[in-house]
N, C-alpha and C. Protein backbone atom coordinates (compact mmCIF):
# COMPACT_ATOMS: atom_id res chain seq x y z
N MET A 1 80.46 225.56 -41.59
CA MET A 1 79.66 225.52 -40.29
C MET A 1 77.86 226.28 -40.92
N LEU A 2 78.09 227.03 -41.99
CA LEU A 2 76.59 226.79 -42.52
C LEU A 2 76.10 225.54 -43.50
N GLY A 3 76.99 224.84 -44.20
CA GLY A 3 76.56 223.74 -44.35
C GLY A 3 76.11 222.46 -43.54
N ARG A 4 76.62 222.82 -42.02
CA ARG A 4 75.80 221.88 -41.12
C ARG A 4 74.55 222.56 -40.80
N LEU A 5 74.21 223.86 -40.48
CA LEU A 5 72.93 224.09 -40.06
C LEU A 5 71.69 224.30 -40.96
N VAL A 6 72.53 224.08 -42.47
CA VAL A 6 71.62 223.43 -43.46
C VAL A 6 70.78 222.46 -43.65
N THR A 7 72.18 221.73 -44.05
CA THR A 7 71.49 220.48 -43.53
C THR A 7 71.02 219.80 -42.58
N ALA A 8 71.41 220.44 -40.81
CA ALA A 8 70.06 220.29 -39.74
C ALA A 8 68.98 220.41 -39.74
N ALA A 9 68.72 222.22 -40.66
CA ALA A 9 67.49 222.42 -41.39
C ALA A 9 66.23 221.70 -42.36
N ALA A 10 67.21 221.10 -42.99
CA ALA A 10 66.46 220.40 -44.06
C ALA A 10 66.42 218.62 -43.27
N ILE A 11 66.89 218.36 -42.28
CA ILE A 11 66.57 217.28 -41.65
C ILE A 11 65.75 217.03 -41.51
N ALA A 12 65.67 218.28 -40.13
CA ALA A 12 64.47 218.77 -39.54
C ALA A 12 63.79 219.20 -39.75
N ALA A 13 63.48 219.76 -40.90
CA ALA A 13 62.24 219.44 -41.99
C ALA A 13 61.59 218.75 -42.53
N GLY A 14 62.41 218.30 -43.69
CA GLY A 14 62.11 216.27 -43.41
C GLY A 14 61.15 215.48 -42.57
N GLY A 15 62.14 215.78 -41.04
CA GLY A 15 61.09 214.98 -40.32
C GLY A 15 59.55 215.61 -40.01
N TYR A 16 59.89 216.32 -39.98
CA TYR A 16 58.68 217.67 -40.12
C TYR A 16 57.84 217.18 -40.38
N ILE A 17 58.13 217.24 -42.22
CA ILE A 17 57.25 216.81 -43.10
C ILE A 17 57.10 215.34 -42.66
N LEU A 18 57.31 214.45 -43.01
CA LEU A 18 57.03 213.25 -42.58
C LEU A 18 55.58 212.71 -41.65
N SER A 19 56.29 213.95 -39.85
CA SER A 19 55.29 213.41 -39.27
C SER A 19 54.03 214.18 -39.56
N LYS A 20 53.67 215.12 -40.33
CA LYS A 20 52.41 215.77 -40.50
C LYS A 20 51.66 214.60 -41.49
N GLN A 21 52.83 214.42 -42.28
CA GLN A 21 51.92 212.63 -43.17
C GLN A 21 51.09 212.13 -42.81
N LEU A 22 52.51 211.69 -41.35
CA LEU A 22 51.81 210.78 -40.67
C LEU A 22 50.35 210.69 -40.15
N MET A 23 50.77 211.95 -39.54
CA MET A 23 49.54 212.22 -38.39
C MET A 23 48.03 212.73 -39.44
N LYS A 24 48.14 213.11 -40.40
CA LYS A 24 47.08 213.84 -41.63
C LYS A 24 46.78 211.67 -41.77
N SER A 25 47.73 211.01 -42.37
CA SER A 25 46.89 209.05 -42.59
C SER A 25 46.38 208.49 -41.14
N ARG A 26 46.69 209.27 -40.19
CA ARG A 26 45.93 208.62 -38.81
C ARG A 26 44.87 209.38 -38.58
N GLY A 27 44.35 210.71 -39.19
CA GLY A 27 43.73 211.78 -38.74
C GLY A 27 44.06 212.57 -37.71
N SER A 28 43.86 214.31 -38.05
CA SER A 28 44.42 215.19 -37.30
C SER A 28 44.50 215.17 -36.35
N ASP A 29 43.05 214.71 -36.02
CA ASP A 29 43.52 214.83 -34.29
C ASP A 29 42.94 213.69 -33.84
N MET A 30 44.01 213.17 -34.55
CA MET A 30 44.47 211.68 -33.73
C MET A 30 45.87 211.86 -32.98
N GLU A 31 45.71 211.32 -31.49
CA GLU A 31 47.15 211.18 -30.66
C GLU A 31 47.83 209.87 -31.53
N SER A 32 48.99 210.03 -30.86
CA SER A 32 50.25 208.60 -30.94
C SER A 32 49.66 207.90 -29.70
N THR A 33 50.46 206.15 -29.94
CA THR A 33 49.95 205.54 -29.63
C THR A 33 50.87 204.62 -29.77
N VAL A 34 51.67 204.19 -28.21
CA VAL A 34 52.82 202.93 -27.41
C VAL A 34 52.39 201.72 -27.13
N GLU A 35 52.48 200.54 -27.27
CA GLU A 35 52.45 199.20 -26.61
C GLU A 35 52.93 198.96 -27.16
N GLU A 36 53.63 197.89 -25.55
CA GLU A 36 54.84 197.29 -24.89
C GLU A 36 54.69 196.25 -23.89
N SER A 37 55.24 195.55 -23.84
CA SER A 37 54.97 194.23 -23.16
C SER A 37 56.54 193.58 -22.54
N ILE A 38 56.74 193.21 -21.82
CA ILE A 38 57.81 192.17 -21.17
C ILE A 38 57.06 191.44 -19.83
N GLU A 39 57.74 190.51 -20.02
CA GLU A 39 57.44 189.74 -19.43
C GLU A 39 58.91 189.39 -18.25
N VAL A 40 58.93 189.52 -16.75
CA VAL A 40 59.16 189.74 -15.59
C VAL A 40 59.34 187.97 -14.92
N ASN A 41 60.40 187.46 -14.29
CA ASN A 41 60.50 186.56 -13.09
C ASN A 41 60.35 187.03 -11.64
N VAL A 42 58.83 187.00 -11.64
CA VAL A 42 57.90 187.66 -9.70
C VAL A 42 57.19 187.60 -10.53
N PRO A 43 56.42 187.28 -9.09
CA PRO A 43 54.73 186.83 -9.88
C PRO A 43 54.62 187.85 -9.28
N ILE A 44 53.04 187.72 -9.98
CA ILE A 44 52.39 189.11 -10.16
C ILE A 44 52.18 190.19 -9.50
N SER A 45 51.93 189.79 -7.94
CA SER A 45 51.75 190.39 -6.47
C SER A 45 52.84 191.04 -6.48
N THR A 46 54.77 191.42 -6.62
CA THR A 46 55.64 191.84 -6.85
C THR A 46 55.40 192.83 -7.76
N ALA A 47 55.31 192.08 -9.39
CA ALA A 47 55.09 192.96 -10.57
C ALA A 47 54.31 193.52 -9.95
N TYR A 48 53.32 194.15 -10.35
CA TYR A 48 52.14 194.94 -9.32
C TYR A 48 52.84 195.71 -8.10
N ASN A 49 53.32 195.34 -7.35
CA ASN A 49 53.18 195.97 -5.85
C ASN A 49 54.34 197.23 -6.67
N GLN A 50 55.41 196.86 -7.19
CA GLN A 50 56.35 197.95 -7.65
C GLN A 50 55.70 198.67 -8.57
N TRP A 51 54.69 198.43 -9.57
CA TRP A 51 54.25 199.71 -10.16
C TRP A 51 53.61 200.78 -8.70
N THR A 52 52.89 199.78 -8.16
CA THR A 52 52.06 201.07 -7.21
C THR A 52 53.30 202.43 -6.70
N GLN A 53 54.59 201.88 -6.61
CA GLN A 53 56.02 202.86 -6.18
C GLN A 53 55.92 203.73 -7.11
N PHE A 54 54.83 205.12 -7.39
CA PHE A 54 54.77 205.92 -8.48
C PHE A 54 56.21 206.73 -8.10
N GLU A 55 56.61 206.72 -7.14
CA GLU A 55 57.34 208.02 -6.25
C GLU A 55 59.07 207.05 -7.21
N ASP A 56 59.16 206.18 -7.43
CA ASP A 56 60.55 204.91 -7.56
C ASP A 56 60.95 204.90 -9.22
N LEU A 57 59.00 205.14 -9.98
CA LEU A 57 59.16 205.35 -11.79
C LEU A 57 60.86 206.10 -12.04
N PRO A 58 60.53 207.03 -11.58
CA PRO A 58 62.53 207.78 -12.03
C PRO A 58 63.61 206.43 -12.54
N LYS A 59 63.66 205.58 -11.53
CA LYS A 59 64.28 204.38 -11.14
C LYS A 59 64.80 204.04 -12.48
N PHE A 60 63.29 203.99 -13.08
CA PHE A 60 63.34 203.03 -14.66
C PHE A 60 63.10 203.58 -16.06
N MET A 61 62.78 204.38 -15.52
CA MET A 61 62.18 205.78 -16.91
C MET A 61 63.27 207.06 -16.43
N ASP A 62 63.74 206.31 -17.61
CA ASP A 62 65.00 206.89 -18.51
C ASP A 62 65.00 208.81 -18.59
N SER A 63 63.38 209.01 -18.90
CA SER A 63 63.55 210.81 -19.15
C SER A 63 62.93 211.56 -18.22
N VAL A 64 62.42 210.68 -17.25
CA VAL A 64 61.63 210.79 -16.28
C VAL A 64 62.58 211.68 -14.85
N HIS A 65 61.83 212.67 -14.45
CA HIS A 65 62.61 212.98 -13.15
C HIS A 65 62.50 212.89 -12.27
N GLU A 66 61.17 212.97 -11.76
CA GLU A 66 60.64 212.50 -10.61
C GLU A 66 59.43 212.90 -11.16
N VAL A 67 58.08 212.06 -10.02
CA VAL A 67 57.64 211.91 -10.11
C VAL A 67 57.00 211.64 -7.77
N ARG A 68 56.41 212.70 -7.90
CA ARG A 68 55.70 213.46 -6.87
C ARG A 68 53.92 212.84 -6.41
N GLN A 69 53.77 212.42 -5.21
CA GLN A 69 51.89 211.29 -5.19
C GLN A 69 51.87 211.93 -4.42
N ILE A 70 50.61 212.90 -4.94
CA ILE A 70 49.67 214.37 -4.36
C ILE A 70 49.22 213.53 -2.90
N ASP A 71 48.40 212.40 -4.14
CA ASP A 71 46.53 211.43 -3.21
C ASP A 71 47.30 210.90 -3.97
N ASP A 72 46.34 209.71 -2.65
CA ASP A 72 46.54 207.91 -3.38
C ASP A 72 45.85 208.27 -5.34
N LYS A 73 44.77 209.34 -6.24
CA LYS A 73 44.62 209.20 -7.21
C LYS A 73 45.51 210.30 -7.62
N HIS A 74 46.34 211.17 -7.43
CA HIS A 74 46.50 212.10 -8.06
C HIS A 74 48.65 212.51 -8.11
N LEU A 75 48.96 212.99 -8.92
CA LEU A 75 50.54 212.57 -9.10
C LEU A 75 50.98 213.74 -9.97
N HIS A 76 52.14 214.69 -9.70
CA HIS A 76 53.39 215.51 -10.31
C HIS A 76 53.96 215.19 -11.07
N TRP A 77 54.29 215.10 -12.09
CA TRP A 77 56.04 214.28 -12.74
C TRP A 77 56.27 215.68 -13.31
N LYS A 78 57.88 215.49 -13.72
CA LYS A 78 59.14 216.04 -13.68
C LYS A 78 59.59 215.06 -14.92
N ALA A 79 59.87 215.81 -16.25
CA ALA A 79 60.74 214.59 -16.94
C ALA A 79 61.01 215.86 -18.09
N SER A 80 61.62 214.87 -19.10
CA SER A 80 62.51 216.12 -20.17
C SER A 80 61.72 214.87 -21.47
N ILE A 81 61.36 215.55 -22.25
CA ILE A 81 60.65 215.59 -23.48
C ILE A 81 61.38 215.95 -25.04
N ALA A 82 61.62 214.98 -25.72
CA ALA A 82 62.64 215.28 -26.93
C ALA A 82 63.79 216.46 -26.02
N GLY A 83 64.43 216.19 -25.35
CA GLY A 83 65.15 217.25 -24.53
C GLY A 83 64.85 218.59 -24.23
N LYS A 84 63.32 218.78 -23.39
CA LYS A 84 63.35 219.72 -22.93
C LYS A 84 62.54 219.32 -21.44
N ASP A 85 63.05 220.25 -20.52
CA ASP A 85 61.87 219.85 -19.42
C ASP A 85 60.81 220.68 -19.06
N LYS A 86 59.49 219.07 -18.92
CA LYS A 86 58.32 219.63 -18.96
C LYS A 86 57.72 219.07 -17.61
N GLU A 87 56.66 219.24 -17.49
CA GLU A 87 55.73 218.94 -16.03
C GLU A 87 54.34 219.24 -16.16
N TRP A 88 53.84 218.22 -15.31
CA TRP A 88 52.59 217.79 -15.23
C TRP A 88 51.91 216.85 -14.53
N ASP A 89 50.59 217.02 -14.45
CA ASP A 89 49.71 216.35 -13.12
C ASP A 89 48.55 215.51 -14.19
N ALA A 90 49.11 214.36 -13.11
CA ALA A 90 47.82 213.01 -13.40
C ALA A 90 47.17 212.82 -12.45
N GLU A 91 45.84 211.91 -13.11
CA GLU A 91 45.05 211.25 -12.32
C GLU A 91 44.81 209.64 -13.03
N ILE A 92 44.39 209.28 -11.79
CA ILE A 92 45.20 208.21 -11.62
C ILE A 92 43.05 207.39 -11.47
N THR A 93 42.50 207.20 -12.78
CA THR A 93 41.48 206.76 -13.48
C THR A 93 40.66 205.47 -13.13
N GLU A 94 41.74 204.42 -12.73
CA GLU A 94 41.37 203.34 -12.22
C GLU A 94 42.56 202.42 -12.08
N GLN A 95 42.06 201.65 -10.63
CA GLN A 95 43.35 200.90 -9.71
C GLN A 95 42.79 199.87 -9.38
N ILE A 96 43.37 198.79 -10.19
CA ILE A 96 42.81 197.32 -9.68
C ILE A 96 43.63 196.79 -8.84
N PRO A 97 44.46 195.79 -7.81
CA PRO A 97 45.47 194.96 -7.92
C PRO A 97 46.07 193.93 -8.22
N GLU A 98 46.96 194.42 -8.95
CA GLU A 98 47.20 192.63 -9.55
C GLU A 98 46.23 192.58 -11.27
N GLU A 99 46.36 193.56 -11.41
CA GLU A 99 45.48 193.74 -12.65
C GLU A 99 45.72 195.02 -13.61
N ARG A 100 45.35 196.10 -13.20
CA ARG A 100 45.30 197.10 -13.94
C ARG A 100 45.38 198.68 -13.02
N ILE A 101 46.59 199.10 -13.41
CA ILE A 101 46.65 201.33 -13.24
C ILE A 101 46.49 201.70 -14.48
N ALA A 102 45.46 202.56 -14.47
CA ALA A 102 44.78 203.42 -15.61
C ALA A 102 45.30 205.06 -14.70
N TRP A 103 45.61 205.96 -16.14
CA TRP A 103 45.77 207.19 -15.61
C TRP A 103 45.99 208.17 -17.05
N ARG A 104 45.52 209.22 -16.67
CA ARG A 104 45.05 210.48 -17.71
C ARG A 104 45.70 211.49 -17.32
N SER A 105 46.63 212.21 -17.71
CA SER A 105 47.35 213.88 -17.79
C SER A 105 46.02 214.76 -17.46
N THR A 106 45.74 214.92 -16.34
CA THR A 106 44.85 216.71 -16.08
C THR A 106 44.98 218.16 -16.46
N GLY A 107 46.87 218.16 -16.49
CA GLY A 107 47.45 219.43 -16.54
C GLY A 107 48.28 218.91 -17.52
N GLY A 108 49.06 220.18 -18.51
CA GLY A 108 50.41 220.40 -19.13
C GLY A 108 50.33 218.69 -20.54
N VAL A 109 51.19 218.55 -19.94
CA VAL A 109 51.51 216.75 -21.20
C VAL A 109 50.27 216.47 -21.35
N HIS A 110 49.81 216.30 -22.32
CA HIS A 110 48.72 215.24 -22.85
C HIS A 110 48.89 213.88 -23.10
N ASN A 111 48.26 213.45 -22.05
CA ASN A 111 48.89 211.64 -21.77
C ASN A 111 47.85 211.22 -20.66
N ALA A 112 47.91 209.63 -22.17
CA ALA A 112 46.91 209.04 -21.07
C ALA A 112 47.17 207.29 -21.77
N GLY A 113 46.57 206.88 -20.00
CA GLY A 113 47.45 205.05 -20.49
C GLY A 113 47.12 204.16 -19.39
N VAL A 114 47.55 203.11 -19.49
CA VAL A 114 46.95 201.66 -18.61
C VAL A 114 48.18 200.92 -18.96
N VAL A 115 48.30 200.22 -17.70
CA VAL A 115 49.54 199.19 -17.52
C VAL A 115 48.84 197.70 -16.90
N THR A 116 48.82 197.06 -17.23
CA THR A 116 48.54 195.78 -16.27
C THR A 116 48.67 194.50 -16.86
N PHE A 117 48.62 193.62 -15.93
CA PHE A 117 49.65 192.65 -14.93
C PHE A 117 49.09 191.27 -15.64
N HIS A 118 49.74 190.59 -16.00
CA HIS A 118 49.00 189.21 -16.34
C HIS A 118 50.10 188.07 -15.97
N LYS A 119 49.56 187.25 -15.32
CA LYS A 119 49.94 186.18 -14.89
C LYS A 119 50.02 184.84 -15.47
N ILE A 120 51.34 184.57 -15.91
CA ILE A 120 51.56 183.93 -16.65
C ILE A 120 52.40 181.99 -15.87
N SER A 121 52.91 182.89 -14.64
CA SER A 121 53.15 181.45 -13.79
C SER A 121 53.22 182.04 -12.49
N GLU A 122 53.26 180.65 -11.68
CA GLU A 122 53.39 181.24 -10.29
C GLU A 122 54.85 183.27 -9.80
N ASN A 123 55.74 182.34 -10.90
CA ASN A 123 57.01 183.54 -11.08
C ASN A 123 57.06 184.03 -11.73
N LYS A 124 56.33 184.38 -12.84
CA LYS A 124 56.30 185.20 -14.00
C LYS A 124 55.00 185.68 -14.37
N THR A 125 55.39 187.29 -14.87
CA THR A 125 54.00 188.13 -14.78
C THR A 125 54.40 188.64 -16.24
N ARG A 126 53.24 189.63 -17.31
CA ARG A 126 53.83 190.10 -18.65
C ARG A 126 53.30 191.42 -18.01
N VAL A 127 53.76 191.57 -18.39
CA VAL A 127 53.21 193.54 -17.99
C VAL A 127 53.17 194.53 -19.38
N MET A 128 52.85 195.05 -19.91
CA MET A 128 51.63 195.28 -20.50
C MET A 128 51.35 197.04 -20.56
N LEU A 129 52.06 198.05 -21.16
CA LEU A 129 51.99 199.14 -21.36
C LEU A 129 51.12 199.68 -22.83
N GLN A 130 50.08 200.43 -22.01
CA GLN A 130 48.84 201.32 -23.62
C GLN A 130 49.88 202.61 -23.57
N MET A 131 50.11 203.19 -24.09
CA MET A 131 49.87 205.22 -23.42
C MET A 131 50.03 205.83 -24.81
N ASP A 132 48.69 206.86 -24.65
CA ASP A 132 48.30 207.65 -25.82
C ASP A 132 48.64 208.88 -25.29
N TYR A 133 49.85 209.81 -26.19
CA TYR A 133 50.20 211.01 -26.02
C TYR A 133 49.98 211.87 -27.30
N ASP A 134 50.34 212.91 -26.73
CA ASP A 134 50.09 213.77 -27.94
C ASP A 134 51.85 215.00 -28.45
N PRO A 135 52.36 214.41 -29.48
CA PRO A 135 53.85 215.39 -29.17
C PRO A 135 53.31 216.57 -29.81
N GLU A 136 54.07 217.89 -29.19
CA GLU A 136 53.57 218.61 -29.37
C GLU A 136 54.08 219.98 -30.80
N SER A 137 55.72 220.04 -29.56
CA SER A 137 56.46 220.07 -30.61
C SER A 137 57.42 219.92 -31.76
N VAL A 138 57.56 220.56 -32.81
CA VAL A 138 58.58 219.07 -34.05
C VAL A 138 59.49 218.60 -33.88
N ASP A 139 60.40 218.94 -32.39
CA ASP A 139 61.33 217.87 -32.46
C ASP A 139 60.31 216.26 -32.05
N GLU A 140 59.10 216.93 -31.07
CA GLU A 140 58.32 215.43 -30.45
C GLU A 140 57.80 214.99 -31.11
N LYS A 141 57.32 215.51 -32.39
CA LYS A 141 56.55 214.83 -33.96
C LYS A 141 57.78 214.50 -34.85
N VAL A 142 58.71 214.58 -34.64
CA VAL A 142 60.56 214.36 -35.35
C VAL A 142 60.25 212.90 -35.10
N GLY A 143 60.38 213.08 -33.77
CA GLY A 143 60.42 211.75 -32.87
C GLY A 143 60.23 210.45 -32.38
N ASP A 144 58.93 210.96 -32.49
CA ASP A 144 57.07 209.89 -32.72
C ASP A 144 57.79 209.03 -33.69
N ALA A 145 57.31 210.37 -34.62
CA ALA A 145 58.06 209.39 -36.10
C ALA A 145 58.76 208.74 -36.90
N LEU A 146 59.45 208.86 -35.59
CA LEU A 146 60.79 208.08 -35.61
C LEU A 146 61.43 206.82 -35.23
N GLY A 147 59.98 206.95 -34.28
CA GLY A 147 59.09 205.48 -32.84
C GLY A 147 60.64 205.54 -32.08
N PHE A 148 60.92 207.11 -31.54
CA PHE A 148 61.56 207.17 -30.46
C PHE A 148 60.64 206.97 -28.95
N VAL A 149 59.22 207.19 -28.96
CA VAL A 149 59.08 206.88 -27.83
C VAL A 149 58.79 205.90 -27.37
N LYS A 150 58.13 204.55 -29.08
CA LYS A 150 58.62 203.25 -28.66
C LYS A 150 59.59 202.80 -28.20
N LEU A 151 60.45 203.06 -28.67
CA LEU A 151 62.01 203.18 -28.24
C LEU A 151 62.45 202.63 -27.41
N GLN A 152 62.31 204.54 -26.45
CA GLN A 152 61.95 204.36 -25.08
C GLN A 152 61.40 203.67 -24.61
N ALA A 153 60.04 203.52 -24.66
CA ALA A 153 58.92 202.42 -23.58
C ALA A 153 59.94 200.92 -23.45
N LYS A 154 59.64 200.56 -24.77
CA LYS A 154 60.70 199.31 -24.58
C LYS A 154 62.34 199.40 -23.76
N ALA A 155 62.72 200.32 -23.89
CA ALA A 155 64.04 200.52 -22.26
C ALA A 155 63.91 200.73 -21.59
N ASN A 156 62.74 201.13 -21.68
CA ASN A 156 61.92 201.47 -19.85
C ASN A 156 61.28 200.18 -19.12
N LEU A 157 61.08 199.86 -19.77
CA LEU A 157 60.44 198.00 -19.71
C LEU A 157 61.44 197.15 -19.21
N LYS A 158 62.62 197.93 -20.15
CA LYS A 158 63.38 196.10 -19.64
C LYS A 158 64.23 196.77 -18.44
N ARG A 159 64.39 198.15 -17.83
CA ARG A 159 65.07 198.64 -16.93
C ARG A 159 64.06 198.05 -15.62
N TYR A 160 62.72 198.26 -15.77
CA TYR A 160 61.83 197.86 -14.91
C TYR A 160 62.09 196.69 -14.49
N LYS A 161 62.10 195.96 -15.65
CA LYS A 161 62.84 194.31 -15.28
C LYS A 161 63.27 193.90 -14.75
N GLU A 162 64.85 194.92 -14.99
CA GLU A 162 65.94 194.50 -14.56
C GLU A 162 66.02 194.73 -12.67
N LEU A 163 65.27 196.17 -12.39
CA LEU A 163 64.57 196.65 -11.52
C LEU A 163 64.03 195.49 -10.04
N VAL A 164 62.89 195.10 -10.53
CA VAL A 164 62.20 194.02 -9.96
C VAL A 164 62.48 192.56 -9.88
N GLU A 165 63.65 192.16 -10.95
CA GLU A 165 64.31 190.63 -10.95
C GLU A 165 65.25 190.94 -9.86
N SER A 166 65.95 192.06 -10.08
CA SER A 166 67.27 191.74 -9.13
C SER A 166 66.91 192.28 -7.54
N ARG A 167 65.85 192.67 -7.25
CA ARG A 167 65.59 192.99 -5.87
C ARG A 167 64.45 192.04 -5.18
N GLY A 168 64.10 191.42 -6.12
CA GLY A 168 63.64 189.89 -6.12
C GLY A 168 62.07 190.22 -4.76
N SER A 169 62.40 191.94 -4.37
CA SER A 169 60.39 191.99 -3.73
C SER A 169 60.39 193.47 -4.19
N GLU A 170 59.44 194.09 -3.74
CA GLU A 170 59.27 195.08 -4.19
C GLU A 170 59.72 196.21 -2.95
N THR A 171 59.59 197.27 -3.36
CA THR A 171 60.02 198.05 -2.60
C THR A 171 58.80 198.92 -2.03
N GLY A 172 57.81 199.00 -2.04
CA GLY A 172 56.66 198.74 -1.14
C GLY A 172 55.21 198.78 -2.07
N ALA A 173 54.44 199.03 -0.97
CA ALA A 173 52.84 197.89 -2.21
C ALA A 173 51.57 198.96 -1.76
N TRP A 174 51.18 199.51 -2.79
CA TRP A 174 49.70 199.94 -2.23
C TRP A 174 48.16 199.16 -2.65
N ARG A 175 47.65 198.80 -1.85
CA ARG A 175 46.71 197.71 -2.45
C ARG A 175 45.56 197.93 -2.17
N GLY A 176 44.99 199.26 -2.34
CA GLY A 176 43.43 200.51 -2.64
C GLY A 176 43.41 199.78 -4.08
N THR A 177 41.72 200.39 -4.18
CA THR A 177 41.37 200.09 -5.96
C THR A 177 40.94 201.53 -5.82
N ILE A 178 40.14 202.28 -7.13
CA ILE A 178 40.15 202.84 -7.60
C ILE A 178 39.36 202.60 -8.61
N PRO A 179 37.93 202.67 -8.21
CA PRO A 179 37.11 202.19 -9.61
C PRO A 179 37.47 203.10 -10.98
N ARG A 180 36.69 202.58 -11.91
CA ARG A 180 36.56 202.94 -13.41
C ARG A 180 35.97 204.50 -13.03
N GLN A 181 36.40 205.46 -13.51
CA GLN A 181 35.66 206.44 -13.58
C GLN A 181 34.80 207.39 -14.72
């Protein structure tokens, strides 16, 4: 038992040192970034409209438990990050139908990003996700250094593809515009 604890502590310490080195090489005040994309076999309007259904995000975002839409520009998130439950508020900073949805957190977990939609053909769309975030705990920093956030983003996009293609239509739509702030 003691041997396992020592091994686990050594692995955690090694991961922490690795994450510190990676952060130092990027600059100590830099956030981490994930960029992923996927092609979905639906029209751009369907791909975009489904993403605007923020309260449906937990259907394909594995670690997200709940997204509550407060108003057209504000959301409250509940999710598990590195095995710990966390909550935060986010503001949509730009939304252009069939082009992009950008956001930033306003409290709690620090993150920001943009999802863009690119028409490939009448029935094929490329969805691109870019997210910046600040890993806080040692576990989050180790997971970030080992690429777990990137793997999770890729898996979430794959589940989004399965959801939107299997339905063939969106569960709703919000077509309003929020100008860049």
